[in-house]
């Protein structure tokens, strides 16, 4: 596996963790300040995820992406 693909896979794993944490934090929060933080975390996670998914498609088109490990 190319190192760039490995890094991209790690980014995708991290953004999924970001989104999960934002969702859990939003459920557990007790004030609006935390809600703002979790909302920003969720929004950022989805934006980064979209960028990473777009880049993954480019790697697939170039034949770089190892589909066995998708």
Protein backbone atom coordinates (compact mmCIF):
# COMPACT_ATOMS: atom_id res chain seq x y z
CA UNK A 1 0.00 0.00 0.00
CA UNK A 2 1.27 3.46 -0.87
CA UNK A 3 2.05 5.69 2.10
CA UNK A 4 -0.25 8.39 0.74
CA UNK A 5 -3.14 5.90 0.72
CA UNK A 6 -2.30 4.74 4.24
CA UNK A 7 -2.38 8.34 5.43
CA UNK A 8 -5.67 8.96 3.65
CA UNK A 9 -7.18 5.89 5.33
CA UNK A 10 -6.06 7.29 8.69
CA UNK A 11 -7.70 10.63 7.89
CA UNK A 12 -10.96 8.84 7.10
CA UNK A 13 -10.75 6.92 10.38
CA UNK A 14 -10.06 10.13 12.32
CA UNK A 15 -12.98 12.02 10.80
CA UNK A 16 -15.31 9.16 11.69
CA UNK A 17 -14.06 9.43 15.28
CA UNK A 18 -14.57 13.20 15.18
CA UNK A 19 -18.16 12.78 14.04
CA UNK A 20 -18.88 10.10 16.65
CA UNK A 21 -17.39 12.25 19.42
CA UNK A 22 -19.39 15.27 18.28
CA UNK A 23 -22.61 13.26 18.31
CA UNK A 24 -21.90 11.78 21.75
CA UNK A 25 -20.77 15.10 23.15
CA UNK A 26 -23.89 16.79 21.86
CA UNK A 27 -26.05 14.20 23.63
CA UNK A 28 -24.12 14.60 26.90
CA UNK A 29 -23.66 18.38 26.93
CA UNK A 30 -25.11 20.58 29.62
CA UNK A 31 -24.71 24.03 28.09
CA UNK A 32 -24.73 25.83 24.77
CA UNK A 33 -20.99 26.52 24.78
CA UNK A 34 -20.27 22.83 24.48
CA UNK A 35 -22.95 22.57 21.81
CA UNK A 36 -21.06 25.09 19.71
CA UNK A 37 -17.83 23.12 20.09
CA UNK A 38 -19.48 19.84 19.14
CA UNK A 39 -21.27 21.46 16.22
CA UNK A 40 -17.98 22.83 14.91
CA UNK A 41 -16.31 19.45 15.40
CA UNK A 42 -19.11 17.71 13.49
CA UNK A 43 -19.10 20.27 10.65
CA UNK A 44 -15.32 20.09 10.34
CA UNK A 45 -15.42 16.30 10.36
CA UNK A 46 -17.92 16.20 7.51
CA UNK A 47 -15.99 18.78 5.47
CA UNK A 48 -12.69 16.93 5.89
CA UNK A 49 -14.43 13.63 5.16
CA UNK A 50 -15.77 14.98 1.86
CA UNK A 51 -12.31 16.19 0.85
CA UNK A 52 -10.74 12.86 1.79
CA UNK A 53 -13.42 10.87 -0.08
CA UNK A 54 -12.85 13.03 -3.18
CA UNK A 55 -9.11 12.41 -2.94
CA UNK A 56 -9.73 8.68 -2.50
CA UNK A 57 -11.72 8.68 -5.77
CA UNK A 58 -8.75 10.32 -7.51
CA UNK A 59 -6.42 7.65 -6.15
CA UNK A 60 -8.80 4.92 -7.33
CA UNK A 61 -8.93 6.49 -10.81
CA UNK A 62 -5.11 6.51 -10.91
CA UNK A 63 -5.04 2.84 -9.91
CA UNK A 64 -3.20 3.57 -6.66
CA UNK A 65 -5.89 2.58 -4.17
CA UNK A 66 -5.72 -0.96 -2.83
CA UNK A 67 -9.39 -1.96 -2.98
CA UNK A 68 -8.70 -5.15 -1.01
CA UNK A 69 -8.14 -3.01 2.08
CA UNK A 70 -11.05 -0.61 1.52
